[in-house]
Amino acid sequence: MISKHISYHEGTYSQTGVRRDLDNTPDDRQLKCMEEVAENVFEPLREWVGGPIKINSFFRGEPVNTAIGGSRKSQHMKGQGIDIDDTFGHKTNAEMYHYIKDNLDFDQLIWEFGTDKNPNWLHISWVSHRPNRKKLTVAKKVNGRTKYINEAHK
């Protein structure tokens, strides 16, 4: 188990990785970072939500990250980033975004696509090697390309 509510399988599973037979095994340092994200962000959020939260993506090793077209600097590759989506209906993604922003320490919080009222999912990262930036970002499609816009407040 990575944490009380995240299994190792859930934290390392990648449909693309399985389909392409790619290794997605974190090393000890990456696993420690995953445990820190879970302890400092996911578990407090889950307690507030009051039920399960879907993990879309957590750890992505370099082969998996490349296969899905992820950023070359993705915090997922370090075990520091997690993408979540409350498909279970306990809280909306927007409600979770605002709870995280107002109550938890984080490095980066991304409102991923969707509408101005609710994102399709959230990306949250947490780091231990320096102070967390509390950086708020919105991801939008502009002319077919993903554009990340820094937000002072959402």
N, C-alpha and C. Protein backbone atom coordinates (compact mmCIF):
# COMPACT_ATOMS: atom_id res chain seq x y z
N MET A 1 0.83 -1.19 0.00
CA MET A 1 0.00 0.00 0.00
C MET A 1 0.88 1.26 0.00
N ILE A 2 0.48 2.22 -0.79
CA ILE A 2 1.15 3.52 -0.80
C ILE A 2 0.64 4.36 0.36
N SER A 3 -0.65 4.23 0.63
CA SER A 3 -1.27 4.91 1.77
C SER A 3 -2.51 4.11 2.16
N LYS A 4 -3.24 4.62 3.12
CA LYS A 4 -4.44 3.92 3.60
C LYS A 4 -5.43 3.62 2.48
N HIS A 5 -5.57 4.52 1.52
CA HIS A 5 -6.57 4.36 0.47
C HIS A 5 -6.00 4.26 -0.94
N ILE A 6 -4.69 4.11 -1.09
CA ILE A 6 -4.10 3.94 -2.43
C ILE A 6 -3.24 2.68 -2.42
N SER A 7 -3.64 1.72 -3.22
CA SER A 7 -2.84 0.50 -3.35
C SER A 7 -1.66 0.76 -4.28
N TYR A 8 -0.65 -0.06 -4.17
CA TYR A 8 0.50 0.03 -5.06
C TYR A 8 0.04 -0.12 -6.51
N HIS A 9 -0.85 -1.08 -6.75
CA HIS A 9 -1.36 -1.32 -8.12
C HIS A 9 -2.05 -0.07 -8.66
N GLU A 10 -2.90 0.55 -7.85
CA GLU A 10 -3.61 1.74 -8.28
C GLU A 10 -2.65 2.89 -8.58
N GLY A 11 -1.60 3.03 -7.77
CA GLY A 11 -0.65 4.12 -7.94
C GLY A 11 0.28 3.95 -9.13
N THR A 12 0.46 2.72 -9.60
CA THR A 12 1.40 2.48 -10.70
C THR A 12 0.72 1.99 -11.98
N TYR A 13 -0.59 1.78 -11.93
CA TYR A 13 -1.29 1.24 -13.09
C TYR A 13 -1.35 2.26 -14.23
N SER A 14 -1.09 1.78 -15.42
CA SER A 14 -1.22 2.58 -16.64
C SER A 14 -1.78 1.68 -17.73
N GLN A 15 -2.95 2.03 -18.24
CA GLN A 15 -3.55 1.26 -19.31
C GLN A 15 -2.64 1.24 -20.53
N THR A 16 -2.04 2.39 -20.84
CA THR A 16 -1.10 2.47 -21.96
C THR A 16 0.11 1.59 -21.69
N GLY A 17 0.62 1.63 -20.46
CA GLY A 17 1.77 0.79 -20.11
C GLY A 17 1.49 -0.68 -20.26
N VAL A 18 0.31 -1.10 -19.84
CA VAL A 18 -0.07 -2.52 -19.97
C VAL A 18 -0.21 -2.87 -21.44
N ARG A 19 -0.91 -2.03 -22.19
CA ARG A 19 -1.16 -2.31 -23.61
C ARG A 19 0.15 -2.40 -24.40
N ARG A 20 1.14 -1.57 -24.03
CA ARG A 20 2.41 -1.54 -24.77
C ARG A 20 3.52 -2.33 -24.07
N ASP A 21 3.16 -3.02 -22.99
CA ASP A 21 4.11 -3.83 -22.23
C ASP A 21 5.31 -2.99 -21.75
N LEU A 22 5.02 -1.84 -21.14
CA LEU A 22 6.05 -0.93 -20.64
C LEU A 22 6.20 -1.10 -19.13
N ASP A 23 7.41 -1.10 -18.67
CA ASP A 23 7.67 -1.18 -17.23
C ASP A 23 7.29 0.15 -16.59
N ASN A 24 6.52 0.09 -15.51
CA ASN A 24 6.12 1.30 -14.80
C ASN A 24 6.35 1.10 -13.31
N THR A 25 7.56 0.65 -12.98
CA THR A 25 7.92 0.36 -11.59
C THR A 25 8.72 1.52 -11.03
N PRO A 26 8.22 2.16 -9.95
CA PRO A 26 8.99 3.25 -9.35
C PRO A 26 10.18 2.73 -8.56
N ASP A 27 11.26 3.52 -8.51
CA ASP A 27 12.38 3.15 -7.65
C ASP A 27 12.05 3.62 -6.22
N ASP A 28 12.93 3.39 -5.28
CA ASP A 28 12.66 3.71 -3.87
C ASP A 28 12.40 5.20 -3.66
N ARG A 29 13.15 6.05 -4.34
CA ARG A 29 12.97 7.50 -4.19
C ARG A 29 11.61 7.94 -4.74
N GLN A 30 11.24 7.41 -5.90
CA GLN A 30 9.95 7.75 -6.50
C GLN A 30 8.79 7.24 -5.63
N LEU A 31 8.95 6.04 -5.08
CA LEU A 31 7.93 5.48 -4.20
C LEU A 31 7.77 6.34 -2.94
N LYS A 32 8.88 6.82 -2.39
CA LYS A 32 8.82 7.70 -1.22
C LYS A 32 8.07 8.98 -1.56
N CYS A 33 8.31 9.54 -2.73
CA CYS A 33 7.59 10.74 -3.15
C CYS A 33 6.09 10.46 -3.29
N MET A 34 5.74 9.29 -3.83
CA MET A 34 4.34 8.92 -3.95
C MET A 34 3.69 8.85 -2.57
N GLU A 35 4.39 8.26 -1.62
CA GLU A 35 3.87 8.16 -0.26
C GLU A 35 3.66 9.55 0.34
N GLU A 36 4.56 10.48 0.05
CA GLU A 36 4.44 11.85 0.56
C GLU A 36 3.25 12.58 -0.06
N VAL A 37 3.02 12.42 -1.35
CA VAL A 37 1.86 13.02 -2.01
C VAL A 37 0.58 12.46 -1.38
N ALA A 38 0.56 11.15 -1.20
CA ALA A 38 -0.62 10.51 -0.62
C ALA A 38 -0.89 11.01 0.80
N GLU A 39 0.15 11.07 1.61
CA GLU A 39 0.01 11.47 3.01
C GLU A 39 -0.37 12.94 3.17
N ASN A 40 0.23 13.80 2.35
CA ASN A 40 0.06 15.24 2.52
C ASN A 40 -1.08 15.86 1.73
N VAL A 41 -1.52 15.19 0.67
CA VAL A 41 -2.60 15.76 -0.16
C VAL A 41 -3.78 14.80 -0.28
N PHE A 42 -3.52 13.59 -0.80
CA PHE A 42 -4.64 12.70 -1.11
C PHE A 42 -5.43 12.28 0.12
N GLU A 43 -4.77 11.82 1.15
CA GLU A 43 -5.50 11.31 2.32
C GLU A 43 -6.29 12.41 3.04
N PRO A 44 -5.70 13.61 3.27
CA PRO A 44 -6.52 14.67 3.87
C PRO A 44 -7.72 15.05 2.98
N LEU A 45 -7.52 15.07 1.66
CA LEU A 45 -8.60 15.37 0.74
C LEU A 45 -9.68 14.30 0.81
N ARG A 46 -9.27 13.05 0.81
CA ARG A 46 -10.24 11.96 0.85
C ARG A 46 -11.06 12.00 2.13
N GLU A 47 -10.42 12.33 3.23
CA GLU A 47 -11.16 12.44 4.49
C GLU A 47 -12.23 13.53 4.37
N TRP A 48 -11.89 14.66 3.78
CA TRP A 48 -12.85 15.74 3.59
C TRP A 48 -13.96 15.34 2.62
N VAL A 49 -13.59 14.66 1.52
CA VAL A 49 -14.56 14.23 0.52
C VAL A 49 -15.55 13.23 1.13
N GLY A 50 -15.06 12.37 2.02
CA GLY A 50 -15.93 11.41 2.67
C GLY A 50 -16.19 10.14 1.88
N GLY A 51 -15.37 9.86 0.89
CA GLY A 51 -15.53 8.65 0.10
C GLY A 51 -14.42 8.54 -0.93
N PRO A 52 -14.51 7.53 -1.77
CA PRO A 52 -13.45 7.27 -2.76
C PRO A 52 -13.28 8.41 -3.77
N ILE A 53 -12.05 8.55 -4.23
CA ILE A 53 -11.69 9.50 -5.29
C ILE A 53 -10.95 8.69 -6.35
N LYS A 54 -11.36 8.84 -7.59
CA LYS A 54 -10.72 8.09 -8.68
C LYS A 54 -9.33 8.68 -8.98
N ILE A 55 -8.35 7.81 -9.07
CA ILE A 55 -7.01 8.20 -9.49
C ILE A 55 -6.88 7.89 -10.98
N ASN A 56 -6.75 8.92 -11.78
CA ASN A 56 -6.57 8.73 -13.23
C ASN A 56 -5.14 8.34 -13.54
N SER A 57 -4.19 8.97 -12.84
CA SER A 57 -2.78 8.72 -13.10
C SER A 57 -1.98 9.17 -11.89
N PHE A 58 -1.02 8.34 -11.48
CA PHE A 58 -0.15 8.72 -10.37
C PHE A 58 1.27 8.59 -10.89
N PHE A 59 1.96 7.50 -10.60
CA PHE A 59 3.33 7.35 -11.10
C PHE A 59 3.32 7.00 -12.58
N ARG A 60 4.18 7.71 -13.34
CA ARG A 60 4.41 7.37 -14.74
C ARG A 60 5.91 7.38 -14.97
N GLY A 61 6.47 6.20 -15.15
CA GLY A 61 7.87 6.12 -15.51
C GLY A 61 8.09 6.76 -16.88
N GLU A 62 9.33 7.04 -17.20
CA GLU A 62 9.66 7.72 -18.46
C GLU A 62 9.06 7.03 -19.69
N PRO A 63 9.13 5.68 -19.80
CA PRO A 63 8.55 5.05 -21.00
C PRO A 63 7.04 5.29 -21.11
N VAL A 64 6.32 5.21 -20.00
CA VAL A 64 4.88 5.44 -20.02
C VAL A 64 4.58 6.91 -20.29
N ASN A 65 5.31 7.79 -19.64
CA ASN A 65 5.09 9.23 -19.83
C ASN A 65 5.32 9.61 -21.29
N THR A 66 6.35 9.08 -21.91
CA THR A 66 6.62 9.35 -23.32
C THR A 66 5.50 8.80 -24.20
N ALA A 67 5.06 7.58 -23.89
CA ALA A 67 4.01 6.93 -24.69
C ALA A 67 2.71 7.71 -24.69
N ILE A 68 2.39 8.36 -23.57
CA ILE A 68 1.13 9.12 -23.51
C ILE A 68 1.30 10.57 -23.95
N GLY A 69 2.53 10.97 -24.27
CA GLY A 69 2.78 12.34 -24.70
C GLY A 69 2.86 13.33 -23.54
N GLY A 70 3.25 12.85 -22.36
CA GLY A 70 3.37 13.71 -21.18
C GLY A 70 4.56 14.65 -21.28
N SER A 71 4.53 15.68 -20.45
CA SER A 71 5.62 16.66 -20.41
C SER A 71 6.93 15.98 -20.04
N ARG A 72 8.02 16.42 -20.65
CA ARG A 72 9.34 15.87 -20.31
C ARG A 72 9.74 16.21 -18.88
N LYS A 73 9.07 17.21 -18.28
CA LYS A 73 9.36 17.60 -16.90
C LYS A 73 8.24 17.17 -15.95
N SER A 74 7.42 16.24 -16.37
CA SER A 74 6.26 15.84 -15.58
C SER A 74 6.63 15.39 -14.17
N GLN A 75 5.92 15.92 -13.19
CA GLN A 75 6.14 15.50 -11.81
C GLN A 75 5.65 14.07 -11.58
N HIS A 76 4.83 13.56 -12.48
CA HIS A 76 4.40 12.16 -12.40
C HIS A 76 5.62 11.22 -12.45
N MET A 77 6.63 11.58 -13.25
CA MET A 77 7.80 10.72 -13.40
C MET A 77 8.64 10.66 -12.13
N LYS A 78 8.49 11.64 -11.26
CA LYS A 78 9.22 11.64 -9.99
C LYS A 78 8.37 11.06 -8.86
N GLY A 79 7.11 10.73 -9.17
CA GLY A 79 6.20 10.26 -8.13
C GLY A 79 5.60 11.39 -7.33
N GLN A 80 5.72 12.63 -7.83
CA GLN A 80 5.27 13.81 -7.09
C GLN A 80 3.92 14.33 -7.56
N GLY A 81 3.36 13.78 -8.63
CA GLY A 81 2.09 14.28 -9.17
C GLY A 81 1.03 13.21 -9.23
N ILE A 82 -0.22 13.62 -9.00
CA ILE A 82 -1.34 12.70 -9.06
C ILE A 82 -2.50 13.41 -9.76
N ASP A 83 -3.18 12.69 -10.64
CA ASP A 83 -4.37 13.20 -11.31
C ASP A 83 -5.58 12.50 -10.72
N ILE A 84 -6.57 13.28 -10.29
CA ILE A 84 -7.74 12.71 -9.65
C ILE A 84 -9.02 13.21 -10.30
N ASP A 85 -10.08 12.45 -10.11
CA ASP A 85 -11.39 12.79 -10.67
C ASP A 85 -12.44 12.19 -9.76
N ASP A 86 -13.34 13.00 -9.25
CA ASP A 86 -14.36 12.44 -8.37
C ASP A 86 -15.54 11.93 -9.19
N THR A 87 -15.34 10.81 -9.82
CA THR A 87 -16.40 10.18 -10.61
C THR A 87 -17.44 9.51 -9.71
N PHE A 88 -17.16 9.44 -8.41
CA PHE A 88 -18.07 8.76 -7.49
C PHE A 88 -19.14 9.70 -6.92
N GLY A 89 -19.05 10.99 -7.22
CA GLY A 89 -20.11 11.92 -6.88
C GLY A 89 -20.14 12.46 -5.47
N HIS A 90 -19.10 12.26 -4.69
CA HIS A 90 -19.10 12.78 -3.32
C HIS A 90 -18.88 14.30 -3.30
N LYS A 91 -17.97 14.78 -4.12
CA LYS A 91 -17.70 16.21 -4.30
C LYS A 91 -17.36 16.40 -5.77
N THR A 92 -17.59 17.59 -6.29
CA THR A 92 -17.20 17.86 -7.67
C THR A 92 -15.70 18.13 -7.72
N ASN A 93 -15.16 18.08 -8.92
CA ASN A 93 -13.75 18.43 -9.09
C ASN A 93 -13.51 19.88 -8.68
N ALA A 94 -14.46 20.77 -8.96
CA ALA A 94 -14.31 22.18 -8.57
C ALA A 94 -14.29 22.31 -7.05
N GLU A 95 -15.15 21.58 -6.36
CA GLU A 95 -15.16 21.63 -4.89
C GLU A 95 -13.83 21.13 -4.34
N MET A 96 -13.30 20.04 -4.93
CA MET A 96 -12.02 19.52 -4.46
C MET A 96 -10.90 20.53 -4.73
N TYR A 97 -10.93 21.17 -5.90
CA TYR A 97 -9.94 22.18 -6.25
C TYR A 97 -9.90 23.27 -5.18
N HIS A 98 -11.06 23.80 -4.85
CA HIS A 98 -11.12 24.90 -3.88
C HIS A 98 -10.73 24.44 -2.48
N TYR A 99 -11.07 23.21 -2.11
CA TYR A 99 -10.66 22.70 -0.80
C TYR A 99 -9.13 22.60 -0.74
N ILE A 100 -8.54 22.02 -1.77
CA ILE A 100 -7.07 21.88 -1.80
C ILE A 100 -6.43 23.27 -1.74
N LYS A 101 -6.89 24.17 -2.59
CA LYS A 101 -6.31 25.52 -2.67
C LYS A 101 -6.37 26.23 -1.32
N ASP A 102 -7.49 26.08 -0.62
CA ASP A 102 -7.70 26.83 0.61
C ASP A 102 -7.20 26.14 1.88
N ASN A 103 -6.95 24.81 1.81
CA ASN A 103 -6.68 24.08 3.05
C ASN A 103 -5.43 23.21 3.08
N LEU A 104 -4.86 22.90 1.92
CA LEU A 104 -3.74 21.96 1.90
C LEU A 104 -2.49 22.61 1.31
N ASP A 105 -1.35 22.07 1.68
CA ASP A 105 -0.09 22.48 1.07
C ASP A 105 0.07 21.69 -0.23
N PHE A 106 0.52 22.34 -1.28
CA PHE A 106 0.73 21.66 -2.56
C PHE A 106 1.78 22.44 -3.35
N ASP A 107 2.39 21.77 -4.31
CA ASP A 107 3.34 22.45 -5.17
C ASP A 107 2.62 23.07 -6.36
N GLN A 108 1.79 22.25 -7.02
CA GLN A 108 1.06 22.73 -8.18
C GLN A 108 -0.34 22.12 -8.18
N LEU A 109 -1.32 22.92 -8.53
CA LEU A 109 -2.70 22.47 -8.63
C LEU A 109 -3.20 22.93 -9.99
N ILE A 110 -3.55 21.96 -10.84
CA ILE A 110 -3.97 22.29 -12.20
C ILE A 110 -5.44 21.95 -12.41
N TRP A 111 -6.20 22.93 -12.84
CA TRP A 111 -7.59 22.80 -13.27
C TRP A 111 -7.51 22.29 -14.70
N GLU A 112 -7.75 21.00 -14.91
CA GLU A 112 -7.51 20.38 -16.22
C GLU A 112 -8.76 20.42 -17.10
N PHE A 113 -8.72 21.32 -18.08
CA PHE A 113 -9.75 21.42 -19.12
C PHE A 113 -11.14 21.61 -18.51
N GLY A 114 -12.16 21.00 -19.09
CA GLY A 114 -13.51 21.17 -18.58
C GLY A 114 -14.06 22.56 -18.89
N THR A 115 -14.81 23.10 -17.92
CA THR A 115 -15.44 24.41 -18.09
C THR A 115 -14.94 25.34 -16.99
N ASP A 116 -15.42 26.57 -17.03
CA ASP A 116 -15.08 27.51 -15.96
C ASP A 116 -15.72 27.12 -14.64
N LYS A 117 -16.74 26.27 -14.69
CA LYS A 117 -17.44 25.84 -13.48
C LYS A 117 -16.87 24.56 -12.88
N ASN A 118 -16.33 23.67 -13.72
CA ASN A 118 -15.83 22.38 -13.23
C ASN A 118 -14.79 21.80 -14.19
N PRO A 119 -13.61 21.46 -13.68
CA PRO A 119 -12.60 20.84 -14.56
C PRO A 119 -12.94 19.38 -14.84
N ASN A 120 -12.34 18.85 -15.89
CA ASN A 120 -12.51 17.42 -16.19
C ASN A 120 -11.82 16.55 -15.14
N TRP A 121 -10.68 17.01 -14.64
CA TRP A 121 -9.96 16.35 -13.56
C TRP A 121 -8.98 17.35 -12.96
N LEU A 122 -8.30 16.96 -11.88
CA LEU A 122 -7.31 17.80 -11.22
C LEU A 122 -5.95 17.13 -11.23
N HIS A 123 -4.92 17.92 -11.39
CA HIS A 123 -3.55 17.47 -11.18
C HIS A 123 -3.06 18.18 -9.92
N ILE A 124 -2.52 17.40 -8.99
CA ILE A 124 -1.95 17.97 -7.77
C ILE A 124 -0.56 17.40 -7.59
N SER A 125 0.38 18.26 -7.19
CA SER A 125 1.71 17.76 -6.87
C SER A 125 2.14 18.29 -5.52
N TRP A 126 3.09 17.59 -4.93
CA TRP A 126 3.64 17.94 -3.62
C TRP A 126 5.10 17.52 -3.62
N VAL A 127 5.96 18.38 -3.06
CA VAL A 127 7.39 18.08 -3.01
C VAL A 127 7.91 18.26 -1.58
N SER A 128 9.03 17.59 -1.30
CA SER A 128 9.63 17.72 0.03
C SER A 128 11.03 18.32 -0.01
N HIS A 129 11.62 18.46 -1.18
CA HIS A 129 13.00 18.93 -1.29
C HIS A 129 13.13 20.46 -1.28
N ARG A 130 12.00 21.16 -1.32
CA ARG A 130 11.98 22.63 -1.27
C ARG A 130 10.57 23.03 -0.84
N PRO A 131 10.37 24.31 -0.50
CA PRO A 131 9.00 24.72 -0.15
C PRO A 131 8.06 24.54 -1.35
N ASN A 132 6.85 24.10 -1.08
CA ASN A 132 5.85 23.97 -2.14
C ASN A 132 5.42 25.36 -2.60
N ARG A 133 5.23 25.49 -3.93
CA ARG A 133 4.98 26.80 -4.54
C ARG A 133 3.52 27.28 -4.44
N LYS A 134 2.59 26.35 -4.25
CA LYS A 134 1.15 26.67 -4.28
C LYS A 134 0.79 27.34 -5.62
N LYS A 135 1.32 26.78 -6.69
CA LYS A 135 1.11 27.31 -8.03
C LYS A 135 -0.24 26.84 -8.57
N LEU A 136 -1.06 27.80 -8.98
CA LEU A 136 -2.38 27.49 -9.57
C LEU A 136 -2.30 27.67 -11.07
N THR A 137 -2.75 26.65 -11.80
CA THR A 137 -2.66 26.65 -13.26
C THR A 137 -3.96 26.13 -13.84
N VAL A 138 -4.32 26.64 -15.01
CA VAL A 138 -5.47 26.15 -15.75
C VAL A 138 -4.96 25.61 -17.08
N ALA A 139 -5.37 24.39 -17.43
CA ALA A 139 -5.02 23.80 -18.73
C ALA A 139 -6.20 23.97 -19.67
N LYS A 140 -5.94 24.54 -20.85
CA LYS A 140 -6.97 24.75 -21.86
C LYS A 140 -6.44 24.32 -23.22
N LYS A 141 -7.35 23.96 -24.10
CA LYS A 141 -6.98 23.69 -25.48
C LYS A 141 -7.13 24.99 -26.28
N VAL A 142 -6.05 25.39 -26.93
CA VAL A 142 -6.05 26.58 -27.77
C VAL A 142 -5.49 26.16 -29.13
N ASN A 143 -6.32 26.26 -30.16
CA ASN A 143 -5.94 25.83 -31.52
C ASN A 143 -5.42 24.40 -31.52
N GLY A 144 -6.08 23.52 -30.76
CA GLY A 144 -5.72 22.11 -30.74
C GLY A 144 -4.52 21.76 -29.88
N ARG A 145 -3.93 22.74 -29.23
CA ARG A 145 -2.75 22.49 -28.39
C ARG A 145 -3.09 22.83 -26.95
N THR A 146 -2.44 22.12 -26.02
CA THR A 146 -2.65 22.40 -24.61
C THR A 146 -1.85 23.63 -24.21
N LYS A 147 -2.53 24.56 -23.55
CA LYS A 147 -1.89 25.78 -23.05
C LYS A 147 -2.12 25.82 -21.56
N TYR A 148 -1.03 26.07 -20.79
CA TYR A 148 -1.11 26.18 -19.34
C TYR A 148 -1.06 27.66 -18.97
N ILE A 149 -2.08 28.11 -18.28
CA ILE A 149 -2.21 29.51 -17.89
C ILE A 149 -2.08 29.60 -16.37
N ASN A 150 -1.12 30.38 -15.91
CA ASN A 150 -0.95 30.58 -14.46
C ASN A 150 -2.07 31.46 -13.95
N GLU A 151 -2.64 31.04 -12.85
CA GLU A 151 -3.76 31.78 -12.26
C GLU A 151 -3.34 32.29 -10.90
N ALA A 152 -3.62 33.55 -10.63
CA ALA A 152 -3.38 34.08 -9.29
C ALA A 152 -4.46 33.55 -8.36
N HIS A 153 -5.68 33.52 -8.84
CA HIS A 153 -6.81 33.02 -8.05
C HIS A 153 -7.80 32.39 -9.01
N LYS A 154 -8.48 31.37 -8.56
CA LYS A 154 -9.51 30.72 -9.40
C LYS A 154 -10.81 30.76 -8.65
